[in-house]
Amino acid sequence: MPQIEWTALPARVKEHLLDRVRIRAIDAKDIAALLAWINTKPELPEGPWCKDIGTFKLAGHGAIPSTFLEKEQPGFGQQI
């Protein structure tokens, strides 16, 4: 199973994620919760997935995170 590739993201994906952090007003506490989860080196499904962090969701496909969703937005793929 793949593990999240946070440091090797394509430039366009990084830009999109940073843009979503600004738009969704994700604060430092939320980012700390995300980093704590990433530091556990979670194994991810090969296909689409969604992780509920609490005040937001992170969605991705395989090892690549693709976007931040608001808590109310529906996730897609396997819930992890």
Protein backbone atom coordinates (compact mmCIF):
# COMPACT_ATOMS: atom_id res chain seq x y z
CA MET A 1 0.00 0.00 0.00
CA PRO A 2 1.29 3.49 -0.78
CA GLN A 3 2.27 6.02 1.85
CA ILE A 4 1.62 9.72 1.51
CA GLU A 5 4.21 11.53 -0.61
CA TRP A 6 3.99 14.92 1.06
CA THR A 7 7.53 16.08 0.23
CA ALA A 8 7.54 14.90 -3.39
CA LEU A 9 4.31 16.51 -4.59
CA PRO A 10 4.17 17.96 -8.10
CA ALA A 11 4.34 21.78 -8.09
CA ARG A 12 0.74 22.19 -9.32
CA VAL A 13 -0.56 19.97 -6.52
CA LYS A 14 1.42 21.94 -3.91
CA GLU A 15 0.04 25.21 -5.25
CA HIS A 16 -3.52 23.85 -5.21
CA LEU A 17 -3.20 22.58 -1.63
CA LEU A 18 -1.73 25.87 -0.38
CA ASP A 19 -4.53 27.74 -2.14
CA ARG A 20 -7.10 25.52 -0.43
CA VAL A 21 -5.47 26.13 2.98
CA ARG A 22 -5.96 29.87 2.42
CA ILE A 23 -9.51 29.57 1.05
CA ARG A 24 -10.67 27.12 3.74
CA ALA A 25 -8.95 29.19 6.47
CA ILE A 26 -7.27 26.09 7.90
CA ASP A 27 -5.54 27.23 11.07
CA ALA A 28 -2.32 26.14 12.75
CA LYS A 29 -4.11 23.72 15.10
CA ASP A 30 -5.70 21.98 12.11
CA ILE A 31 -2.36 21.81 10.27
CA ALA A 32 -0.76 20.33 13.40
CA ALA A 33 -3.44 17.59 13.44
CA LEU A 34 -2.75 16.91 9.75
CA LEU A 35 1.00 16.71 10.33
CA ALA A 36 0.52 14.39 13.31
CA TRP A 37 -1.49 12.05 11.07
CA ILE A 38 1.11 12.27 8.26
CA ASN A 39 3.89 11.47 10.75
CA THR A 40 2.20 8.13 11.50
CA LYS A 41 3.14 7.17 7.90
CA PRO A 42 -0.37 5.94 7.12
CA GLU A 43 -0.82 3.36 4.41
CA LEU A 44 -3.25 4.55 1.78
CA PRO A 45 -5.39 2.71 -0.76
CA GLU A 46 -4.22 2.67 -4.39
CA GLY A 47 -7.36 4.52 -5.50
CA PRO A 48 -9.28 7.53 -4.19
CA TRP A 49 -9.49 8.14 -0.45
CA CYS A 50 -10.63 10.74 2.07
CA LYS A 51 -9.40 11.38 5.63
CA ASP A 52 -11.53 13.37 8.09
CA ILE A 53 -9.12 15.48 10.13
CA GLY A 54 -11.86 17.04 12.24
CA THR A 55 -12.48 20.54 10.97
CA PHE A 56 -11.65 19.64 7.36
CA LYS A 57 -11.00 16.62 5.14
CA LEU A 58 -7.99 15.68 3.04
CA ALA A 59 -8.75 13.82 -0.17
CA GLY A 60 -6.31 12.09 -2.46
CA HIS A 61 -5.56 9.22 -4.79
CA GLY A 62 -2.90 6.68 -3.87
CA ALA A 63 0.14 8.40 -2.35
CA ILE A 64 -0.84 11.84 -3.62
CA PRO A 65 -3.10 14.15 -1.57
CA SER A 66 -5.19 16.20 -3.99
CA THR A 67 -7.36 18.68 -2.07
CA PHE A 68 -8.69 19.93 1.24
CA LEU A 69 -12.45 19.77 1.66
CA GLU A 70 -14.62 21.63 4.12
CA LYS A 71 -16.09 19.48 6.91
CA GLU A 72 -19.54 19.63 5.28
CA GLN A 73 -18.32 18.63 1.83
CA PRO A 74 -18.78 14.97 0.96
CA GLY A 75 -15.61 12.95 0.68
CA PHE A 76 -15.01 10.45 -2.06
CA GLY A 77 -13.27 7.11 -2.24
CA GLN A 78 -12.33 4.99 0.73
CA GLN A 79 -12.74 6.67 4.10
CA ILE A 80 -9.53 6.27 6.13
